[in-house]
Structures are given as C-alpha cells and as structure tokens.
C-alpha cells in the first residue's frame, strides 16, 4: 500500500525530521522563502494562490467512502487509480529536491479522539506553519493510525493528464490516510484538509465537529462562535476576560468541547493593537505572516495595506495568547453565537433565536464571502454555507445539524445570531458595524443580560431583536433605523428573504416548525 512506504520513509533520502522552530525559521531564510519582520515573525508570499481553491479539492472514491460522502461540487470524486498515479509523480518530485521537511503532530486536544499527523513539505516555512497550527504533543500513546499530509507547491498538475481541474490540487484519501497537496503555496490548505478529515472521522465516534471558535469564563461557561472566514471568530473569541479554547475548529463530545488544533490562523488585514491586542502581541518569532506588506527598510508590517490580498494571515501557536486554555478542553457550551457578515446590511446586529430558528440558521449558514478568502472573490458576495462550514463537510449536512439540535436541547443552550457585516446600507454604501458595538453585544449575551430585555420582532426575518444593549446606541440594534433611504432598505430586505427561501428549498425533509422559523 502507499501508506506503508511513507511510514518507513524509505522513499526519502533528503528529509530533515522534526526540526525545532528556530531551525525551520533559519532554513526558510537561508532558502529565501521569506524574511523576518520587525516583530520577529517570518513573512512569506504565497504567490497567486492567496486563498483556498475549493474547485481543486477532491476525495478519492474508495470502499471506505463511496457510500458515505456527500458527493457534489464541494466533495468532488477522484478515481483511486488517478490519485495513485498523481501520488507517484509527487513522490518523484519530492525526491528530486535537495531537502524536504517532515514533522509530526496531532489533531484533537482530547486524547480519546486524537489523530496523529505526519507532515511532509517541500518548503521549510510550510513545515513551520504545520508545527504552529497542529498540536505538538500527545497524551495518548494508543492514538489512531496517522494521516500523512504531503505538500509539494512547485509541482504543477496537468489537468488533461492528471485528472485535476487546474495545476493545483488538494486530494484526500481516507483509505490510504493521505492528504496530497500540490500547485498552491497557500498554507491554509493543509489546515483545512485535516479539518475535513476530522469532520468525517469524529461524527463516526458520536462527536460533533464544528467550524467555530470557543472560549470559557473563569466560572466554566463555554461559548461557541460559528462563522466563515472573516466573520470574526478569531477576533471575538480572543477575549482578555475569558480563556481561549481555540479560534476555528472544535469537537463536541459527551464530555464537552475540545480544540482540534494547537494554533490560530488569524486574518490580519487592518489589524491594530487598539482593536485586537492579543492577536497583535501573538505575532512574534516563530509566527508566520502570509502576504502581509512589510516596509523594505524597517521590516515593519503594514496591516492596512491589502494590495496583495484581503486575506492576509498570521499563524501562531495557541500558547501565544496569554489566557489560552492548555490543554484546550472544556465543558458543555451555555451560549452559541452564529456570526454572519451581511453585505446586504439588513440583518440586525444581534437577535435571540429559538431552537427552531437556531436549526434554520445553522442549516442556512448565511454570510458573505469576504474578499480574498477564496480565489476570485474580490468583493463580498452573499452566500449560504451549510453549518457555517460547507467547504469542509464530507458527510451530509443533516448529520451535523441533527447532532447540534440534540445538543442544544440537551444542554439548554442560548443561541444568538450576530451580524458583523454592514449597517446603514449595503456593502459600498453603508459601513461595517463597529467592533466595539459587536463586542458589547457579545458580552451582554454571555452575561445573560438579554434574558429580561424587551425584544421586537423584525418583520422580514422573524427575528427577536433586543431593544437595548449596554454600550450600544439603541438605533443601531434596529437595522431599518440606520438607513437614510427606507425604500432601499425594504427592497434589500425582500431581496435577501427570497435568497433565504430559495436556498432552504433543498432541506425538504426538515420539520415544518424549522421551515417556519425562517423569513416569512
């Protein structure tokens, strides 16, 4: 089998194993893969691929997967013979390099559900990225059989020969336990591929895998923040008054919540110390800055300059956040926040959801794709991403939704929909809701201040909107009041309700109570 050859490493005579962080940084600099910034972080350029390439992602059709995967445009099938032929080409390519880098890590802070990972990379900085993003140590000597991530960015596929859609490819083989990546230098593909793997493996162990960030109070109250990239998961969960469990990927077992990763991958466009001091301070030696413009003389990062991409990123270990919870395991959530960046500017900044509304909006997963998070996205686009993570879900959406619904009911979880997008008008006319207001609303939700607050029912989306929140002008809470052109507001609100209804038609098997929980 393919995997047995990788385990023995017989195919690699040019490999450097488990180099420490300092050595990987030194290697990256010596190989001209990047440069040091004034903060000590390694700055790298990922070339033309500055975001994920969802159209280049495949899953191999095997006995293990063919009857379980939700095949389609997200999970594209690839024949086993096609995969194996491409795998051999990548192996030959790596063996021709002067040196490659291999390190080990883990996914899953809870040792009961931990997945060992071997990461083989062509670039030193990719191995550094993996060392910072995955868990470095294991407390389970009997962990599951490992997955191997192979990243060969300078190998370009030939679609007509290799069965890909472009020169880039991200392929998962569950039978061989391999993630094969080539043609793209964007390091996020490694992280998200392992997340996709865990989204397949964890539900089979009765664990809900979730695209969310999480934190916990000193009293043990856990909060989850669901949302796609750019909606605020990392920013809003990095709260100095609470311990950070993780910023992007989690599992929810019968015992509680655990982080899947060992690091954070924060968007840093327009990053400032005043707004996000924890993330700002985490960017130091050992961290990786992707596509951030740096002053040529001083080496100072310019986070406001997004001329390369809006999707500038910082990768750093969880321990770089002062109040991070390590090991990142906590109890059951008491509050869930669904984050959406509404480019229409018509959703309320915060709404209280019933259980049925929570299921409706979890299945809908409405947000706007923000510029740079995927190739070709240059301005916000309204989109529906089931379970706030459709690009990473190999199983049918109903499997994840049913698990979440049961857990909300079992643990009596409070659920809120929070719009971190636009107010006073759509994208291009209105303005982004101020972070200080969003933080105030999140704090009020976590502290139970909306339990007795009067609410009004928003007419288009049937949402219960608080009339008051400490630290937020009352007018901000009601979206129509922020628009100077009321007729334009009604037009945009109707337009978005039609999009919700049209998207939800595919969920014809859900109960009538859930269907009626959406826009009417």
Protein backbone atom coordinates (compact mmCIF):
# COMPACT_ATOMS: atom_id res chain seq x y z
CA UNK A 1 0.00 0.00 0.00
CA UNK A 2 1.01 3.65 -0.45
CA UNK A 3 0.88 4.45 3.25
CA UNK A 4 3.30 1.71 4.29
CA UNK A 5 6.03 3.25 2.12
CA UNK A 6 5.58 6.63 3.81
CA UNK A 7 5.63 5.12 7.30
CA UNK A 8 9.07 3.62 6.78
CA UNK A 9 10.29 6.77 4.98
CA UNK A 10 12.27 4.56 2.60
CA UNK A 11 11.42 6.86 -0.26
CA UNK A 12 13.09 9.91 1.23
CA UNK A 13 16.86 10.22 1.48
CA UNK A 14 16.69 14.01 1.61
CA UNK A 15 14.43 14.52 4.61
CA UNK A 16 15.06 16.63 7.72
CA UNK A 17 12.95 15.44 10.64
CA UNK A 18 11.20 17.39 13.39
CA UNK A 19 13.40 20.46 13.22
CA UNK A 20 12.82 22.93 16.06
CA UNK A 21 11.07 26.20 15.33
CA UNK A 22 14.31 28.19 15.27
CA UNK A 23 15.89 25.80 12.76
CA UNK A 24 12.84 25.93 10.47
CA UNK A 25 12.95 29.73 10.52
CA UNK A 26 16.67 29.64 9.77
CA UNK A 27 16.11 27.20 6.90
CA UNK A 28 13.32 29.32 5.45
CA UNK A 29 15.55 32.41 5.50
CA UNK A 30 18.54 30.57 4.02
CA UNK A 31 16.34 29.19 1.22
CA UNK A 32 14.91 32.68 0.51
CA UNK A 33 11.38 31.51 1.32
CA UNK A 34 10.67 34.57 3.42
CA UNK A 35 12.06 37.39 5.54
CA UNK A 36 11.98 38.41 9.19
CA UNK A 37 9.79 41.33 10.19
CA UNK A 38 10.43 43.81 12.99
CA UNK A 39 8.27 41.63 15.26
CA UNK A 40 10.44 38.56 14.63
CA UNK A 41 7.70 36.82 12.63
CA UNK A 42 8.54 35.17 9.32
CA UNK A 43 6.89 36.95 6.40
CA UNK A 44 6.13 34.84 3.29
CA UNK A 45 4.44 35.37 -0.06
CA UNK A 46 2.11 32.61 -1.32
CA UNK A 47 2.13 33.75 -4.95
CA UNK A 48 -1.07 33.76 -6.98
CA UNK A 49 -2.86 31.44 -4.55
CA UNK A 50 -3.69 33.72 -1.62
CA UNK A 51 -6.74 31.75 -0.50
CA UNK A 52 -8.27 28.30 -0.66
CA UNK A 53 -9.05 26.67 -4.02
CA UNK A 54 -12.35 24.85 -3.38
CA UNK A 55 -12.76 23.86 -7.03
CA UNK A 56 -9.45 21.96 -6.82
CA UNK A 57 -10.41 19.79 -3.84
CA UNK A 58 -11.14 16.05 -4.31
CA UNK A 59 -11.91 12.96 -2.25
CA UNK A 60 -10.82 9.56 -3.56
CA UNK A 61 -13.70 7.16 -4.22
CA UNK A 62 -12.91 4.10 -2.12
CA UNK A 63 -14.78 1.37 -0.31
CA UNK A 64 -14.45 3.37 2.89
CA UNK A 65 -16.08 6.49 1.49
CA UNK A 66 -18.19 5.90 -1.60
CA UNK A 67 -21.49 5.33 0.25
CA UNK A 68 -20.95 7.94 2.96
CA UNK A 69 -19.59 11.09 1.34
CA UNK A 70 -21.96 13.83 0.16
CA UNK A 71 -20.60 13.88 -3.38
CA UNK A 72 -21.02 17.04 -5.45
CA UNK A 73 -19.33 20.34 -6.20
CA UNK A 74 -17.84 20.51 -2.69
CA UNK A 75 -16.70 16.90 -2.40
CA UNK A 76 -15.59 16.07 -5.93
CA UNK A 77 -14.76 12.41 -6.60
CA UNK A 78 -11.44 11.18 -7.93
CA UNK A 79 -10.78 7.60 -9.01
CA UNK A 80 -8.23 5.66 -7.00
CA UNK A 81 -6.01 4.92 -10.00
CA UNK A 82 -5.91 8.62 -10.89
CA UNK A 83 -4.90 9.51 -7.35
CA UNK A 84 -2.19 6.87 -7.15
CA UNK A 85 -0.64 7.97 -10.45
CA UNK A 86 -0.52 11.58 -9.26
CA UNK A 87 0.84 10.48 -5.89
CA UNK A 88 3.77 8.73 -7.58
CA UNK A 89 4.59 11.87 -9.57
CA UNK A 90 4.60 13.98 -6.41
CA UNK A 91 6.86 11.46 -4.66
CA UNK A 92 9.33 11.60 -7.55
CA UNK A 93 9.20 15.39 -7.44
CA UNK A 94 9.96 15.49 -3.71
CA UNK A 95 12.83 13.03 -4.05
CA UNK A 96 14.47 15.34 -6.59
CA UNK A 97 14.59 18.21 -4.09
CA UNK A 98 17.81 18.93 -2.24
CA UNK A 99 15.94 18.62 1.04
CA UNK A 100 12.41 18.20 2.32
CA UNK A 101 10.95 18.59 5.80
CA UNK A 102 8.99 16.09 7.88
CA UNK A 103 7.38 16.71 11.24
CA UNK A 104 4.77 15.04 13.43
CA UNK A 105 1.79 16.50 15.21
CA UNK A 106 -1.77 15.79 16.27
CA UNK A 107 -5.33 16.93 15.68
CA UNK A 108 -7.70 16.83 18.64
CA UNK A 109 -6.85 18.02 22.16
CA UNK A 110 -8.97 15.26 23.71
CA UNK A 111 -6.68 12.23 23.61
CA UNK A 112 -9.67 9.90 23.23
CA UNK A 113 -10.34 11.34 19.76
CA UNK A 114 -6.82 12.36 18.77
CA UNK A 115 -5.47 11.89 15.25
CA UNK A 116 -1.67 11.67 14.75
CA UNK A 117 -0.41 13.59 11.72
CA UNK A 118 2.80 13.34 9.71
CA UNK A 119 3.52 16.45 7.61
CA UNK A 120 5.87 16.24 4.62
CA UNK A 121 6.63 19.58 2.96
CA UNK A 122 8.78 20.91 0.16
CA UNK A 123 9.15 24.30 1.86
CA UNK A 124 10.61 24.88 5.32
CA UNK A 125 8.02 27.55 6.11
CA UNK A 126 5.15 25.16 5.36
CA UNK A 127 6.58 22.80 7.98
CA UNK A 128 6.86 25.75 10.36
CA UNK A 129 3.21 26.56 9.69
CA UNK A 130 2.21 22.97 10.46
CA UNK A 131 4.24 22.96 13.67
CA UNK A 132 2.39 26.08 14.84
CA UNK A 133 -1.12 25.06 13.78
CA UNK A 134 -1.25 21.42 14.82
CA UNK A 135 -0.92 20.05 18.35
CA UNK A 136 2.71 19.21 19.11
CA UNK A 137 2.38 16.66 21.90
CA UNK A 138 0.12 13.72 22.67
CA UNK A 139 -1.05 12.22 25.94
CA UNK A 140 -2.36 9.12 24.20
CA UNK A 141 0.23 6.50 23.26
CA UNK A 142 -2.51 4.44 21.60
CA UNK A 143 -3.82 7.17 19.31
CA UNK A 144 -5.44 6.37 15.98
CA UNK A 145 -3.44 5.41 12.88
CA UNK A 146 -1.81 8.58 11.50
CA UNK A 147 -2.76 10.65 8.48
CA UNK A 148 0.04 11.97 6.26
CA UNK A 149 -0.11 15.47 4.74
CA UNK A 150 2.12 15.92 1.68
CA UNK A 151 2.59 19.46 0.37
CA UNK A 152 4.52 20.00 -2.89
CA UNK A 153 3.67 23.52 -4.09
CA UNK A 154 6.09 23.68 -7.02
CA UNK A 155 4.66 20.51 -8.56
CA UNK A 156 2.06 21.66 -11.08
CA UNK A 157 -0.56 19.18 -12.26
CA UNK A 158 -1.63 18.83 -15.87
CA UNK A 159 -5.45 18.64 -15.81
CA UNK A 160 -5.76 16.69 -19.05
CA UNK A 161 -3.31 14.06 -17.78
CA UNK A 162 -3.71 14.09 -14.00
CA UNK A 163 -7.50 14.38 -13.73
CA UNK A 164 -7.47 17.71 -11.88
CA UNK A 165 -9.26 20.96 -12.67
CA UNK A 166 -6.11 23.09 -12.69
CA UNK A 167 -2.44 22.97 -11.78
CA UNK A 168 -3.45 22.97 -8.11
CA UNK A 169 -4.95 20.01 -6.26
CA UNK A 170 -5.99 19.06 -2.74
CA UNK A 171 -6.87 15.37 -2.53
CA UNK A 172 -7.94 13.29 0.48
CA UNK A 173 -7.69 9.51 0.53
CA UNK A 174 -9.36 8.08 3.63
CA UNK A 175 -8.29 4.55 2.77
CA UNK A 176 -4.62 5.43 2.35
CA UNK A 177 -4.85 8.12 5.06
CA UNK A 178 -3.17 10.72 2.87
CA UNK A 179 -3.76 14.37 2.06
CA UNK A 180 -1.97 15.24 -1.18
CA UNK A 181 -1.48 18.94 -1.99
CA UNK A 182 0.30 20.50 -4.94
CA UNK A 183 0.40 23.54 -7.20
CA UNK A 184 -0.52 26.02 -4.45
CA UNK A 185 1.61 27.67 -1.76
CA UNK A 186 -1.36 28.73 0.38
CA UNK A 187 -0.68 27.01 3.71
CA UNK A 188 -4.33 27.11 4.79
CA UNK A 189 -4.97 24.13 2.52
CA UNK A 190 -3.07 21.88 4.95
CA UNK A 191 -5.04 23.10 7.94
CA UNK A 192 -8.45 22.85 6.28
CA UNK A 193 -7.74 19.43 4.76
CA UNK A 194 -7.14 17.94 8.20
CA UNK A 195 -10.29 19.68 9.39
CA UNK A 196 -12.19 17.93 6.57
CA UNK A 197 -10.66 14.64 7.70
CA UNK A 198 -11.81 15.22 11.28
CA UNK A 199 -15.27 16.21 10.04
CA UNK A 200 -15.50 12.71 8.59
CA UNK A 201 -13.94 10.78 11.47
CA UNK A 202 -15.42 12.49 14.56
CA UNK A 203 -19.16 12.04 13.81
CA UNK A 204 -18.48 8.32 13.43
CA UNK A 205 -17.37 8.47 17.08
CA UNK A 206 -20.55 10.39 18.06
CA UNK A 207 -18.65 13.67 18.30
CA UNK A 208 -19.98 16.81 16.60
CA UNK A 209 -17.20 18.51 14.62
CA UNK A 210 -17.70 22.27 14.28
CA UNK A 211 -16.30 25.21 12.32
CA UNK A 212 -16.28 27.56 15.28
CA UNK A 213 -14.09 29.30 17.83
CA UNK A 214 -14.59 28.78 21.54
CA UNK A 215 -13.75 30.35 24.87
CA UNK A 216 -14.62 29.80 28.52
CA UNK A 217 -15.11 32.03 31.56
CA UNK A 218 -13.43 31.53 34.93
CA UNK A 219 -16.74 30.08 36.11
CA UNK A 220 -16.65 27.47 33.33
CA UNK A 221 -19.28 28.96 30.99
CA UNK A 222 -18.31 27.89 27.47
CA UNK A 223 -19.26 29.92 24.37
CA UNK A 224 -19.06 28.83 20.73
CA UNK A 225 -18.70 31.23 17.79
CA UNK A 226 -19.74 29.78 14.42
CA UNK A 227 -18.93 31.58 11.18
CA UNK A 228 -16.97 31.51 7.96
CA UNK A 229 -13.58 33.16 7.49
CA UNK A 230 -13.67 36.90 8.07
CA UNK A 231 -16.85 37.00 10.16
CA UNK A 232 -15.00 37.48 13.44
CA UNK A 233 -14.49 34.05 15.03
CA UNK A 234 -10.85 34.65 15.92
CA UNK A 235 -11.28 38.30 16.90
CA UNK A 236 -14.36 37.86 19.08
CA UNK A 237 -13.18 34.72 20.85
CA UNK A 238 -9.85 36.38 21.80
CA UNK A 239 -11.37 37.96 24.90
CA UNK A 240 -8.98 39.05 27.70
CA UNK A 241 -11.67 38.27 30.29
CA UNK A 242 -12.10 34.66 29.13
CA UNK A 243 -9.78 31.77 28.32
CA UNK A 244 -9.40 30.89 24.66
CA UNK A 245 -10.10 27.24 23.84
CA UNK A 246 -9.46 27.71 20.11
CA UNK A 247 -10.15 30.03 17.19
CA UNK A 248 -11.55 27.86 14.38
CA UNK A 249 -12.14 24.10 14.77
CA UNK A 250 -13.67 22.12 17.62
CA UNK A 251 -15.30 18.87 18.60
CA UNK A 252 -18.24 18.49 21.00
CA UNK A 253 -18.30 15.11 22.69
CA UNK A 254 -20.37 13.66 25.52
CA UNK A 255 -17.84 15.23 27.91
CA UNK A 256 -17.72 18.73 26.42
CA UNK A 257 -15.78 20.82 23.89
CA UNK A 258 -12.19 20.34 22.73
CA UNK A 259 -9.98 22.14 20.22
CA UNK A 260 -8.96 20.25 17.09
CA UNK A 261 -5.89 22.45 16.57
CA UNK A 262 -2.91 23.67 18.52
CA UNK A 263 -2.67 27.12 16.98
CA UNK A 264 -4.50 30.08 15.47
CA UNK A 265 -4.75 31.31 11.88
CA UNK A 266 -5.96 34.87 12.21
CA UNK A 267 -6.90 37.32 9.47
CA UNK A 268 -4.76 40.39 9.98
CA UNK A 269 -5.99 42.90 7.42
CA UNK A 270 -6.42 46.23 9.23
CA UNK A 271 -5.08 44.65 12.42
CA UNK A 272 -4.28 47.13 15.18
CA UNK A 273 -3.09 46.90 18.77
CA UNK A 274 -6.02 49.03 19.94
CA UNK A 275 -8.68 46.73 18.48
CA UNK A 276 -7.02 43.31 18.85
CA UNK A 277 -4.11 43.45 21.31
CA UNK A 278 -3.94 39.69 21.89
CA UNK A 279 -3.54 38.86 18.20
CA UNK A 280 -1.14 41.80 17.73
CA UNK A 281 1.13 40.57 20.53
CA UNK A 282 0.98 36.95 19.34
CA UNK A 283 2.77 37.84 16.10
CA UNK A 284 6.37 37.32 17.12
CA UNK A 285 9.31 34.99 16.45
CA UNK A 286 8.05 31.62 15.20
CA UNK A 287 4.83 33.09 13.82
CA UNK A 288 4.16 33.12 10.09
CA UNK A 289 2.75 36.17 8.28
CA UNK A 290 1.23 35.39 4.88
CA UNK A 291 1.12 38.08 2.17
CA UNK A 292 1.47 40.99 4.59
CA UNK A 293 3.19 44.04 3.10
CA UNK A 294 6.37 44.90 5.04
CA UNK A 295 8.36 48.13 4.96
CA UNK A 296 11.54 47.37 2.97
CA UNK A 297 13.84 49.25 5.35
CA UNK A 298 12.34 48.82 8.83
CA UNK A 299 10.68 45.43 8.36
CA UNK A 300 7.51 46.74 9.99
CA UNK A 301 4.28 45.01 8.86
CA UNK A 302 1.65 47.27 7.29
CA UNK A 303 -1.60 45.52 8.09
CA UNK A 304 -3.64 48.23 6.38
CA UNK A 305 -2.01 47.52 3.02
CA UNK A 306 -4.03 44.76 1.38
CA UNK A 307 -2.66 45.28 -2.12
CA UNK A 308 -1.65 41.62 -2.40
CA UNK A 309 -4.85 40.23 -0.89
CA UNK A 310 -7.54 41.00 1.66
CA UNK A 311 -6.79 37.56 3.09
CA UNK A 312 -3.55 38.39 4.90
CA UNK A 313 -2.96 35.86 7.65
CA UNK A 314 -0.97 35.24 10.83
CA UNK A 315 -0.25 31.72 12.11
CA UNK A 316 0.90 31.28 15.70
CA UNK A 317 0.62 28.68 18.48
CA UNK A 318 -2.27 28.81 20.91
CA UNK A 319 0.16 29.45 23.75
CA UNK A 320 0.94 32.87 22.23
CA UNK A 321 -2.44 34.05 23.54
CA UNK A 322 -1.81 34.88 27.23
CA UNK A 323 -5.08 33.43 28.54
CA UNK A 324 -5.25 30.38 26.27
CA UNK A 325 -6.59 27.20 27.85
CA UNK A 326 -3.98 24.43 27.51
CA UNK A 327 -4.84 21.63 27.13
CA UNK A 328 -7.76 23.14 25.23
CA UNK A 329 -10.59 21.08 26.69
CA UNK A 330 -13.67 22.45 28.49
CA UNK A 331 -17.26 21.61 29.40
CA UNK A 332 -20.52 21.90 27.51
CA UNK A 333 -21.47 25.27 25.95
CA UNK A 334 -24.02 27.56 27.57
CA UNK A 335 -24.06 30.07 24.69
CA UNK A 336 -23.76 29.73 20.92
CA UNK A 337 -23.17 32.69 18.61
CA UNK A 338 -23.82 32.42 14.87
CA UNK A 339 -21.70 35.07 13.14
CA UNK A 340 -22.66 36.42 9.73
CA UNK A 341 -21.22 39.28 7.70
CA UNK A 342 -24.36 40.55 5.96
CA UNK A 343 -23.33 42.50 2.86
CA UNK A 344 -26.99 43.50 2.31
CA UNK A 345 -26.92 45.47 5.57
CA UNK A 346 -30.41 44.39 6.64
CA UNK A 347 -29.89 41.75 9.34
CA UNK A 348 -29.99 43.02 12.95
CA UNK A 349 -26.64 43.27 14.76
CA UNK A 350 -27.92 40.72 17.30
CA UNK A 351 -31.01 38.52 17.57
CA UNK A 352 -32.18 35.91 20.05
CA UNK A 353 -33.02 32.59 18.41
CA UNK A 354 -35.44 29.88 19.40
CA UNK A 355 -34.26 26.28 18.97
CA UNK A 356 -36.12 26.07 15.65
CA UNK A 357 -34.59 29.34 14.45
CA UNK A 358 -31.18 28.08 15.52
CA UNK A 359 -31.64 24.98 13.36
CA UNK A 360 -32.87 27.08 10.45
CA UNK A 361 -29.91 29.44 10.52
CA UNK A 362 -27.39 26.66 11.16
CA UNK A 363 -28.63 24.81 8.08
CA UNK A 364 -28.73 28.06 6.09
CA UNK A 365 -25.29 29.26 7.14
CA UNK A 366 -25.81 32.67 5.55
CA UNK A 367 -22.91 35.07 5.30
CA UNK A 368 -20.93 36.98 2.69
CA UNK A 369 -17.75 35.55 1.27
CA UNK A 370 -15.22 38.21 2.08
CA UNK A 371 -12.60 39.33 -0.39
CA UNK A 372 -9.55 37.09 -0.61
CA UNK A 373 -10.75 34.06 1.36
CA UNK A 374 -11.20 32.18 -1.92
CA UNK A 375 -9.62 32.71 -5.31
CA UNK A 376 -11.64 35.07 -7.50
CA UNK A 377 -13.59 36.71 -4.65
CA UNK A 378 -12.71 40.42 -4.84
CA UNK A 379 -15.73 41.92 -3.02
CA UNK A 380 -18.27 40.49 -0.56
CA UNK A 381 -20.71 38.01 -2.13
CA UNK A 382 -23.86 36.73 -0.44
CA UNK A 383 -23.59 33.00 0.08
CA UNK A 384 -25.10 30.15 2.06
CA UNK A 385 -22.65 27.71 3.58
CA UNK A 386 -24.48 24.91 5.36
CA UNK A 387 -23.49 24.53 9.02
CA UNK A 388 -21.22 27.58 8.55
CA UNK A 389 -18.64 25.27 7.04
CA UNK A 390 -19.90 23.51 3.89
CA UNK A 391 -16.48 23.52 2.13
CA UNK A 392 -15.13 21.25 4.87
CA UNK A 393 -18.02 18.81 5.44
CA UNK A 394 -17.66 15.39 3.78
CA UNK A 395 -20.90 13.99 5.26
CA UNK A 396 -24.48 15.11 4.52
CA UNK A 397 -25.38 18.39 6.25
CA UNK A 398 -28.29 16.82 8.11
CA UNK A 399 -25.87 14.60 10.05
CA UNK A 400 -24.17 17.62 11.62
CA UNK A 401 -27.40 19.61 12.04
CA UNK A 402 -29.22 16.79 13.83
CA UNK A 403 -26.32 16.37 16.25
CA UNK A 404 -26.27 20.10 17.01
CA UNK A 405 -30.03 20.23 17.55
CA UNK A 406 -29.89 17.40 20.06
CA UNK A 407 -27.05 19.03 21.97
CA UNK A 408 -28.78 22.44 22.10
CA UNK A 409 -31.86 20.79 23.62
CA UNK A 410 -29.91 18.51 25.96
CA UNK A 411 -27.81 21.32 27.44
CA UNK A 412 -30.39 24.15 27.19
CA UNK A 413 -28.03 26.36 25.19
CA UNK A 414 -28.84 30.02 24.45
CA UNK A 415 -28.34 30.82 20.73
CA UNK A 416 -27.84 34.25 19.12
CA UNK A 417 -27.43 35.43 15.52
CA UNK A 418 -24.87 38.26 15.33
CA UNK A 419 -24.33 40.34 12.19
CA UNK A 420 -20.74 41.59 11.96
CA UNK A 421 -21.36 42.94 8.46
CA UNK A 422 -22.86 46.17 7.23
CA UNK A 423 -25.27 48.72 8.67
CA UNK A 424 -26.88 51.86 7.24
CA UNK A 425 -26.83 50.37 3.76
CA UNK A 426 -25.34 47.50 1.75
CA UNK A 427 -21.66 46.99 1.01
CA UNK A 428 -20.42 50.05 -0.86
CA UNK A 429 -23.00 52.36 0.71
CA UNK A 430 -23.21 51.51 4.41
CA UNK A 431 -20.40 50.88 6.84
CA UNK A 432 -19.13 47.84 8.73
CA UNK A 433 -20.66 47.53 12.20
CA UNK A 434 -18.15 48.83 14.72
CA UNK A 435 -16.19 46.14 16.52
CA UNK A 436 -16.74 47.86 19.86
CA UNK A 437 -20.51 47.51 19.41
CA UNK A 438 -20.24 43.86 18.44
CA UNK A 439 -18.04 43.16 21.46
CA UNK A 440 -20.58 44.87 23.74
CA UNK A 441 -23.42 42.77 22.33
CA UNK A 442 -21.42 39.56 22.70
CA UNK A 443 -20.62 40.42 26.32
CA UNK A 444 -24.27 41.13 27.04
CA UNK A 445 -25.27 37.77 25.54
CA UNK A 446 -22.62 35.87 27.51
CA UNK A 447 -23.64 37.54 30.78
CA UNK A 448 -27.34 36.81 30.29
CA UNK A 449 -28.32 40.47 30.02
CA UNK A 450 -30.81 39.76 27.22
CA UNK A 451 -32.77 37.27 29.32
CA UNK A 452 -35.06 40.03 30.61
CA UNK A 453 -34.57 42.64 27.88
CA UNK A 454 -37.61 43.59 25.81
CA UNK A 455 -37.43 42.48 22.17
CA UNK A 456 -39.18 43.46 18.96
CA UNK A 457 -39.89 41.11 16.07
CA UNK A 458 -38.04 42.09 12.89
CA UNK A 459 -40.71 41.96 10.12
CA UNK A 460 -38.75 40.31 7.30
CA UNK A 461 -36.69 37.65 9.07
CA UNK A 462 -38.95 36.91 12.06
CA UNK A 463 -36.06 37.60 14.44
CA UNK A 464 -36.36 38.70 18.07
CA UNK A 465 -34.24 41.84 18.40
CA UNK A 466 -33.31 43.35 21.80
CA UNK A 467 -34.38 46.97 22.15
CA UNK A 468 -31.42 47.86 24.38
CA UNK A 469 -27.83 46.74 24.93
CA UNK A 470 -25.32 48.41 27.27
CA UNK A 471 -22.68 50.29 25.30
CA UNK A 472 -24.63 50.27 22.02
CA UNK A 473 -26.92 53.06 20.72
CA UNK A 474 -30.49 51.74 20.60
CA UNK A 475 -30.88 52.82 16.97
CA UNK A 476 -28.02 50.55 15.89
CA UNK A 477 -29.97 47.49 17.07
CA UNK A 478 -32.80 48.14 14.59
CA UNK A 479 -31.36 47.89 11.04
CA UNK A 480 -34.02 49.95 9.26
CA UNK A 481 -33.41 52.94 11.54
CA UNK A 482 -29.79 53.17 10.31
CA UNK A 483 -30.80 53.53 6.63
CA UNK A 484 -31.47 57.03 5.30
CA UNK A 485 -33.24 55.55 2.27
CA UNK A 486 -36.09 53.47 3.76
CA UNK A 487 -37.37 52.35 0.36
CA UNK A 488 -33.94 50.97 -0.48
CA UNK A 489 -33.92 49.14 2.86
CA UNK A 490 -37.23 47.40 2.14
CA UNK A 491 -36.04 46.42 -1.32
CA UNK A 492 -32.81 44.89 0.01
CA UNK A 493 -34.58 43.12 2.89
CA UNK A 494 -37.06 41.50 0.49
CA UNK A 495 -34.23 40.51 -1.83
CA UNK A 496 -32.41 38.70 0.98
CA UNK A 497 -35.56 36.93 2.22
CA UNK A 498 -36.03 35.50 -1.28
CA UNK A 499 -32.45 34.23 -1.21
CA UNK A 500 -33.03 32.54 2.16
CA UNK A 501 -36.20 30.85 0.93
CA UNK A 502 -34.68 29.73 -2.33
CA UNK A 503 -31.66 28.25 -0.56
CA UNK A 504 -33.77 26.42 2.03
CA UNK A 505 -35.79 24.53 -0.58
CA UNK A 506 -33.10 21.82 -0.60
CA UNK A 507 -33.93 20.98 3.03
CA UNK A 508 -37.33 19.49 2.24
CA UNK A 509 -37.01 16.78 4.90
CA UNK A 510 -36.87 19.09 7.91
CA UNK A 511 -39.91 19.69 10.10
CA UNK A 512 -42.46 22.39 9.35
CA UNK A 513 -41.55 24.16 12.60
CA UNK A 514 -37.99 24.64 11.36
CA UNK A 515 -39.13 25.81 7.91
CA UNK A 516 -41.45 28.38 9.51
CA UNK A 517 -38.63 29.67 11.71
CA UNK A 518 -37.08 31.48 8.73
CA UNK A 519 -38.16 34.60 6.81
CA UNK A 520 -41.91 34.81 6.23
